[in-house]
N, C-alpha and C. Protein backbone atom coordinates (compact mmCIF):
# COMPACT_ATOMS: atom_id res chain seq x y z
N MET A 1 126.51 111.48 80.61
CA MET A 1 126.27 110.10 80.87
C MET A 1 124.97 109.64 80.16
N SER A 2 125.25 108.71 79.15
CA SER A 2 124.11 108.08 78.29
C SER A 2 123.06 107.44 79.17
N ASP A 3 121.79 107.18 78.66
CA ASP A 3 120.78 106.60 79.17
C ASP A 3 121.27 105.15 79.70
N LEU A 4 121.82 104.30 78.79
CA LEU A 4 122.30 103.04 79.10
C LEU A 4 123.33 103.08 80.08
N ASP A 5 124.35 104.05 80.25
CA ASP A 5 125.26 104.11 81.16
C ASP A 5 124.63 104.44 82.74
N THR A 6 123.67 105.21 82.54
CA THR A 6 122.83 105.35 83.78
C THR A 6 122.28 104.31 84.49
N LEU A 7 121.61 103.34 83.54
CA LEU A 7 120.98 102.06 83.83
C LEU A 7 122.01 101.26 84.37
N ARG A 8 123.09 101.14 83.84
CA ARG A 8 124.32 100.16 84.02
C ARG A 8 124.82 100.47 85.48
N THR A 9 124.97 101.89 85.75
CA THR A 9 125.37 102.30 86.98
C THR A 9 124.52 102.00 88.21
N ARG A 10 123.16 102.07 87.79
CA ARG A 10 122.07 101.87 88.81
C ARG A 10 121.84 100.28 89.15
N ALA A 11 122.18 99.64 87.95
CA ALA A 11 122.20 98.03 88.00
C ALA A 11 123.28 97.62 89.05
N LEU A 12 124.56 98.26 88.95
CA LEU A 12 125.60 97.80 89.90
C LEU A 12 125.20 98.21 91.24
N GLN A 13 124.47 99.38 91.34
CA GLN A 13 124.13 99.56 92.84
C GLN A 13 123.17 98.67 93.21
N ALA A 14 122.27 98.16 92.55
CA ALA A 14 121.31 97.32 92.92
C ALA A 14 122.08 95.96 93.24
N ALA A 15 122.86 95.45 92.61
CA ALA A 15 123.44 94.17 92.75
C ALA A 15 124.12 94.26 94.17
N GLN A 16 124.60 95.55 94.53
CA GLN A 16 125.36 95.53 96.00
C GLN A 16 124.16 95.17 96.80
N GLN A 17 123.13 95.31 96.71
CA GLN A 17 122.04 95.11 97.79
C GLN A 17 121.56 93.62 97.75
N ALA A 18 122.09 92.83 96.86
CA ALA A 18 121.51 91.53 96.66
C ALA A 18 121.73 90.75 97.96
N TYR A 19 120.69 89.73 98.07
CA TYR A 19 120.74 88.61 99.04
C TYR A 19 121.16 87.32 98.51
N ALA A 20 122.46 87.05 98.49
CA ALA A 20 122.90 85.80 97.81
C ALA A 20 123.86 85.09 98.63
N PRO A 21 123.31 84.54 99.91
CA PRO A 21 124.22 83.80 100.84
C PRO A 21 124.66 82.35 100.30
N TYR A 22 123.86 81.96 99.15
CA TYR A 22 124.09 80.50 98.90
C TYR A 22 124.93 80.48 97.59
N SER A 23 124.63 81.11 96.53
CA SER A 23 125.45 81.25 95.26
C SER A 23 126.67 82.23 95.44
N ARG A 24 126.39 83.30 96.28
CA ARG A 24 127.21 84.53 96.28
C ARG A 24 127.40 85.21 94.88
N LEU A 25 126.48 85.00 94.07
CA LEU A 25 126.25 85.69 93.07
C LEU A 25 125.23 86.83 93.00
N ARG A 26 125.96 87.97 92.98
CA ARG A 26 124.96 89.16 93.19
C ARG A 26 124.58 89.72 91.81
N VAL A 27 123.32 89.93 91.59
CA VAL A 27 122.80 90.31 90.32
C VAL A 27 121.92 91.61 90.58
N GLY A 28 122.09 92.65 89.83
CA GLY A 28 121.39 93.68 89.87
C GLY A 28 120.87 94.13 88.51
N ALA A 29 119.59 94.76 88.47
CA ALA A 29 118.99 95.17 87.08
C ALA A 29 118.35 96.52 87.44
N ALA A 30 118.44 97.27 86.32
CA ALA A 30 117.76 98.72 86.34
C ALA A 30 117.14 98.64 85.10
N LEU A 31 115.93 99.17 84.99
CA LEU A 31 115.23 99.30 83.83
C LEU A 31 114.44 100.64 83.75
N ARG A 32 114.25 101.22 82.40
CA ARG A 32 113.60 102.31 82.10
C ARG A 32 112.22 101.96 81.45
N SER A 33 111.22 102.51 81.94
CA SER A 33 109.95 102.45 81.26
C SER A 33 109.80 103.24 80.04
N THR A 34 108.95 102.84 79.35
CA THR A 34 108.62 103.79 78.32
C THR A 34 107.89 105.14 78.61
N ALA A 35 107.49 105.08 80.02
CA ALA A 35 107.13 106.38 80.48
C ALA A 35 108.17 107.32 81.09
N GLY A 36 109.42 106.58 81.05
CA GLY A 36 110.72 107.41 81.55
C GLY A 36 111.15 107.23 82.93
N GLN A 37 110.41 106.17 83.57
CA GLN A 37 110.88 106.08 84.99
C GLN A 37 111.71 104.98 85.02
N VAL A 38 112.70 104.98 86.12
CA VAL A 38 113.63 104.16 86.20
C VAL A 38 113.35 103.04 87.70
N TYR A 39 113.58 101.78 87.43
CA TYR A 39 113.14 101.04 88.36
C TYR A 39 114.21 99.90 88.56
N THR A 40 114.70 99.46 89.81
CA THR A 40 115.76 98.61 90.07
C THR A 40 115.33 97.29 90.67
N GLY A 41 116.06 96.29 90.56
CA GLY A 41 115.83 95.14 91.29
C GLY A 41 117.11 94.29 91.51
N CYS A 42 117.18 93.40 92.62
CA CYS A 42 118.29 92.53 92.74
C CYS A 42 117.85 91.16 93.09
N ASN A 43 118.89 90.22 93.01
CA ASN A 43 118.30 88.95 93.29
C ASN A 43 118.28 88.62 94.67
N VAL A 44 117.33 87.91 95.07
CA VAL A 44 117.04 87.44 96.57
C VAL A 44 116.91 85.91 96.66
N GLU A 45 117.89 85.31 97.09
CA GLU A 45 117.96 83.88 97.28
C GLU A 45 117.09 83.27 98.42
N ASN A 46 116.80 82.12 98.28
CA ASN A 46 116.18 81.32 99.35
C ASN A 46 116.74 79.93 99.52
N ALA A 47 116.91 79.56 100.74
CA ALA A 47 117.37 78.03 100.85
C ALA A 47 116.72 77.10 99.94
N SER A 48 115.44 77.20 99.86
CA SER A 48 114.86 76.35 98.75
C SER A 48 114.78 77.18 97.47
N TYR A 49 115.94 76.70 96.83
CA TYR A 49 116.30 77.40 95.68
C TYR A 49 115.52 78.09 94.62
N THR A 50 114.41 77.31 94.30
CA THR A 50 113.50 77.62 93.40
C THR A 50 112.72 78.72 93.80
N LEU A 51 112.66 79.16 94.99
CA LEU A 51 111.88 80.26 95.61
C LEU A 51 112.41 81.65 95.45
N GLY A 52 113.72 81.56 94.94
CA GLY A 52 114.56 82.87 94.90
C GLY A 52 113.85 83.66 93.72
N ASN A 53 114.45 85.02 93.66
CA ASN A 53 113.85 85.95 92.88
C ASN A 53 115.00 86.57 92.09
N CYS A 54 114.94 86.54 90.65
CA CYS A 54 115.86 87.26 90.05
C CYS A 54 115.56 88.74 89.85
N ALA A 55 116.95 89.58 89.58
CA ALA A 55 116.79 90.95 89.50
C ALA A 55 116.03 91.39 88.59
N GLU A 56 115.84 90.83 87.21
CA GLU A 56 115.28 91.53 86.23
C GLU A 56 113.79 91.50 86.50
N ARG A 57 113.27 90.24 87.05
CA ARG A 57 112.00 90.25 87.58
C ARG A 57 111.40 90.85 88.58
N ALA A 58 112.36 91.18 89.56
CA ALA A 58 112.39 92.08 90.70
C ALA A 58 112.01 93.67 90.12
N ALA A 59 112.82 94.07 89.27
CA ALA A 59 112.82 95.25 88.72
C ALA A 59 111.43 95.42 88.03
N ILE A 60 111.08 94.39 87.03
CA ILE A 60 109.76 94.42 86.41
C ILE A 60 108.64 94.52 87.33
N ALA A 61 108.86 93.79 88.44
CA ALA A 61 107.62 93.57 89.60
C ALA A 61 107.46 95.18 90.09
N ALA A 62 108.64 95.83 90.31
CA ALA A 62 108.51 97.29 90.95
C ALA A 62 107.97 98.25 89.79
N ALA A 63 108.23 98.04 88.73
CA ALA A 63 107.69 98.72 87.56
C ALA A 63 106.04 98.78 87.29
N VAL A 64 105.63 97.35 87.27
CA VAL A 64 104.23 97.10 87.46
C VAL A 64 103.50 97.53 88.45
N GLN A 65 104.04 97.54 89.64
CA GLN A 65 103.51 98.15 90.83
C GLN A 65 103.32 99.61 90.82
N ALA A 66 104.20 100.24 90.22
CA ALA A 66 104.24 101.56 90.18
C ALA A 66 103.31 102.29 89.09
N GLU A 67 103.45 101.42 87.74
CA GLU A 67 102.73 102.14 86.60
C GLU A 67 101.62 101.29 86.37
N GLY A 68 101.44 100.15 87.00
CA GLY A 68 100.29 99.28 86.51
C GLY A 68 100.41 98.33 85.46
N ALA A 69 99.20 97.75 84.97
CA ALA A 69 99.40 96.85 83.95
C ALA A 69 99.79 97.30 82.63
N GLY A 70 99.57 98.53 82.45
CA GLY A 70 100.01 99.36 81.37
C GLY A 70 101.61 99.50 81.20
N PHE A 71 102.56 98.95 82.09
CA PHE A 71 103.81 99.10 81.95
C PHE A 71 104.45 98.42 80.92
N ARG A 72 105.40 99.34 80.22
CA ARG A 72 106.03 98.75 78.93
C ARG A 72 107.61 99.18 79.07
N LEU A 73 108.50 98.04 78.84
CA LEU A 73 109.89 98.29 78.99
C LEU A 73 110.46 99.01 77.73
N ALA A 74 111.39 99.69 77.95
CA ALA A 74 112.21 100.52 77.04
C ALA A 74 113.53 99.89 77.00
N ALA A 75 114.29 99.80 78.19
CA ALA A 75 115.64 99.49 78.27
C ALA A 75 115.78 98.73 79.73
N ILE A 76 116.78 97.92 79.75
CA ILE A 76 117.23 97.20 80.88
C ILE A 76 118.64 96.85 80.80
N ALA A 77 119.44 97.14 81.93
CA ALA A 77 120.95 96.74 82.01
C ALA A 77 120.87 95.85 83.15
N VAL A 78 121.63 94.80 82.89
CA VAL A 78 121.83 93.64 83.93
C VAL A 78 123.36 93.54 84.34
N THR A 79 123.69 93.54 85.54
CA THR A 79 125.10 93.24 85.83
C THR A 79 125.21 92.21 86.89
N ALA A 80 126.43 91.48 87.20
CA ALA A 80 126.60 90.57 88.17
C ALA A 80 127.97 90.48 88.61
N PHE A 81 128.13 90.06 89.87
CA PHE A 81 129.63 90.00 90.24
C PHE A 81 129.67 88.88 91.34
N ASP A 82 130.84 88.45 91.64
CA ASP A 82 130.90 87.36 92.68
C ASP A 82 131.35 88.05 93.99
N SER A 83 131.53 87.13 95.06
CA SER A 83 131.74 87.51 96.19
C SER A 83 133.10 88.18 96.47
N ALA A 84 134.08 88.22 95.48
CA ALA A 84 135.13 88.94 95.55
C ALA A 84 135.27 90.28 94.72
N GLY A 85 134.03 90.54 94.17
CA GLY A 85 133.80 91.78 93.40
C GLY A 85 134.10 91.70 91.94
N ASP A 86 134.51 90.46 91.30
CA ASP A 86 134.89 90.41 90.08
C ASP A 86 133.58 90.21 89.25
N VAL A 87 133.56 91.03 88.07
CA VAL A 87 132.36 91.16 87.19
C VAL A 87 132.28 89.72 86.45
N LEU A 88 130.77 89.40 86.43
CA LEU A 88 130.79 87.97 85.80
C LEU A 88 129.81 88.33 84.49
N PRO A 89 130.06 87.48 83.42
CA PRO A 89 129.37 87.56 82.32
C PRO A 89 127.97 86.86 82.59
N ILE A 90 126.95 87.59 82.90
CA ILE A 90 125.72 86.91 83.00
C ILE A 90 124.54 87.51 82.11
N SER A 91 123.98 86.64 81.43
CA SER A 91 122.62 87.22 80.71
C SER A 91 121.58 86.67 81.50
N PRO A 92 120.40 87.45 81.09
CA PRO A 92 119.21 87.04 81.75
C PRO A 92 118.80 85.46 81.50
N CYS A 93 118.19 84.93 82.49
CA CYS A 93 117.82 83.69 82.45
C CYS A 93 116.71 83.45 81.58
N GLY A 94 116.21 82.22 81.24
CA GLY A 94 115.15 82.07 80.42
C GLY A 94 113.82 82.52 80.87
N GLY A 95 113.44 82.46 82.15
CA GLY A 95 112.40 83.04 82.67
C GLY A 95 112.34 84.45 82.69
N CYS A 96 113.39 85.16 82.85
CA CYS A 96 113.50 86.56 82.88
C CYS A 96 113.43 86.99 81.21
N ARG A 97 114.05 86.40 80.50
CA ARG A 97 113.86 86.61 79.00
C ARG A 97 112.46 86.67 78.50
N GLN A 98 111.74 85.69 79.10
CA GLN A 98 110.09 85.61 78.74
C GLN A 98 109.59 86.83 79.17
N ALA A 99 109.87 87.20 80.49
CA ALA A 99 109.34 88.36 81.16
C ALA A 99 109.55 89.66 80.51
N LEU A 100 110.99 89.93 79.82
CA LEU A 100 111.31 91.08 79.25
C LEU A 100 110.67 91.18 77.88
N VAL A 101 110.32 89.99 77.05
CA VAL A 101 109.66 89.86 75.86
C VAL A 101 108.13 90.28 76.01
N GLU A 102 107.49 89.73 77.19
CA GLU A 102 106.12 90.39 77.47
C GLU A 102 105.99 91.75 77.76
N PHE A 103 106.96 92.42 78.16
CA PHE A 103 106.88 93.90 78.50
C PHE A 103 107.56 94.72 77.31
N GLY A 104 108.11 94.19 76.52
CA GLY A 104 108.81 94.94 75.51
C GLY A 104 109.62 94.22 74.50
N GLU A 105 109.10 93.86 73.40
CA GLU A 105 109.96 92.89 72.73
C GLU A 105 111.11 93.52 71.89
N ASP A 106 110.81 94.92 71.75
CA ASP A 106 111.81 95.71 71.08
C ASP A 106 112.84 96.50 72.20
N ALA A 107 112.63 96.19 73.31
CA ALA A 107 113.42 96.88 74.33
C ALA A 107 114.92 96.49 74.32
N THR A 108 115.64 97.45 74.56
CA THR A 108 117.20 97.27 74.69
C THR A 108 117.68 96.39 75.90
N VAL A 109 118.38 95.39 75.78
CA VAL A 109 118.75 94.68 76.79
C VAL A 109 120.28 94.73 76.87
N SER A 110 121.10 95.07 78.04
CA SER A 110 122.30 95.39 78.13
C SER A 110 122.96 94.52 79.17
N PHE A 111 123.96 93.66 78.94
CA PHE A 111 124.49 92.78 79.91
C PHE A 111 126.16 92.59 79.43
N ARG A 112 126.77 92.08 80.47
CA ARG A 112 128.37 91.82 80.11
C ARG A 112 128.57 90.63 79.42
N GLN A 113 129.63 90.66 78.68
CA GLN A 113 130.32 89.40 78.04
C GLN A 113 131.55 88.94 78.72
N PRO A 114 131.88 87.98 78.43
CA PRO A 114 133.22 87.36 78.92
C PRO A 114 134.51 88.36 79.18
N ASP A 115 134.50 89.25 78.23
CA ASP A 115 135.63 90.17 78.11
C ASP A 115 135.20 91.37 78.89
N ALA A 116 133.96 91.44 79.71
CA ALA A 116 133.46 92.52 80.45
C ALA A 116 132.90 93.67 79.90
N GLN A 117 132.92 93.52 78.54
CA GLN A 117 132.40 94.61 77.58
C GLN A 117 130.88 94.50 77.53
N TRP A 118 130.05 95.50 77.50
CA TRP A 118 128.55 95.40 77.53
C TRP A 118 128.19 95.08 76.13
N LEU A 119 127.14 94.18 75.85
CA LEU A 119 126.42 93.53 74.70
C LEU A 119 124.99 94.42 74.79
N GLU A 120 124.50 94.89 73.74
CA GLU A 120 123.27 95.40 73.74
C GLU A 120 122.59 94.51 72.58
N VAL A 121 121.38 94.06 72.97
CA VAL A 121 120.59 93.41 71.98
C VAL A 121 119.09 93.73 72.36
N THR A 122 118.06 93.22 71.50
CA THR A 122 116.67 93.54 71.99
C THR A 122 116.18 92.19 72.57
N ALA A 123 115.15 92.43 73.53
CA ALA A 123 114.56 91.33 74.21
C ALA A 123 114.15 90.26 73.26
N GLY A 124 113.52 90.57 72.14
CA GLY A 124 112.94 89.61 71.01
C GLY A 124 114.11 88.72 70.69
N ALA A 125 115.43 89.32 70.48
CA ALA A 125 116.58 88.58 69.97
C ALA A 125 117.00 87.45 70.85
N LEU A 126 116.81 87.89 72.29
CA LEU A 126 117.21 86.98 73.30
C LEU A 126 116.45 85.72 73.38
N LEU A 127 115.15 85.87 72.90
CA LEU A 127 114.25 84.78 73.14
C LEU A 127 113.43 84.68 71.61
N PRO A 128 113.83 84.15 70.54
CA PRO A 128 113.19 84.32 69.23
C PRO A 128 112.02 83.51 69.25
N HIS A 129 111.93 82.34 70.11
CA HIS A 129 110.88 81.24 70.03
C HIS A 129 110.17 81.20 71.30
N ARG A 130 109.68 82.36 71.79
CA ARG A 130 109.05 82.49 72.97
C ARG A 130 107.72 81.97 73.15
N PHE A 131 107.18 81.68 74.35
CA PHE A 131 105.92 81.18 74.78
C PHE A 131 105.05 82.26 74.37
N SER A 132 103.73 82.13 73.75
CA SER A 132 102.54 82.98 73.67
C SER A 132 101.40 82.24 73.50
N PHE A 133 100.44 82.83 74.20
CA PHE A 133 98.96 82.23 74.04
C PHE A 133 98.51 82.37 72.55
N PRO A 134 97.93 81.55 71.98
CA PRO A 134 97.18 81.60 70.58
C PRO A 134 96.24 82.72 70.74
N GLU A 135 96.09 83.40 69.44
CA GLU A 135 95.20 84.36 69.37
C GLU A 135 93.86 83.66 69.60
N ARG A 136 92.85 84.57 70.08
CA ARG A 136 91.45 83.73 70.38
C ARG A 136 90.42 84.54 69.34
């Protein structure tokens, strides 16, 4: 099994743990750090919608908590399905794209397309005009 296949499997497992009573959209993410460790996350909704957490940022938070501020992202797989178990073509949202770029502009990001096939791109390609602080 390839590294991305392992991350995809772990992302699916994480999605099954999602707390999504409002949207019924279950999202899971599994990432590998440049240190070789794997971390997962799932979406956690809240009745006050903007207080929910995305799977990608949950996985990043777990990685930063474990590895510290030096955490760097090597690869991440993201998968989603609905309440019927059907795979959905969901790419990382804008906030997650910004977080992915922050930790690994050249990291591989893998997610499903409408035909259920996996697409692999770099985090930088997902957000070419990202926010960054000016150099001081």
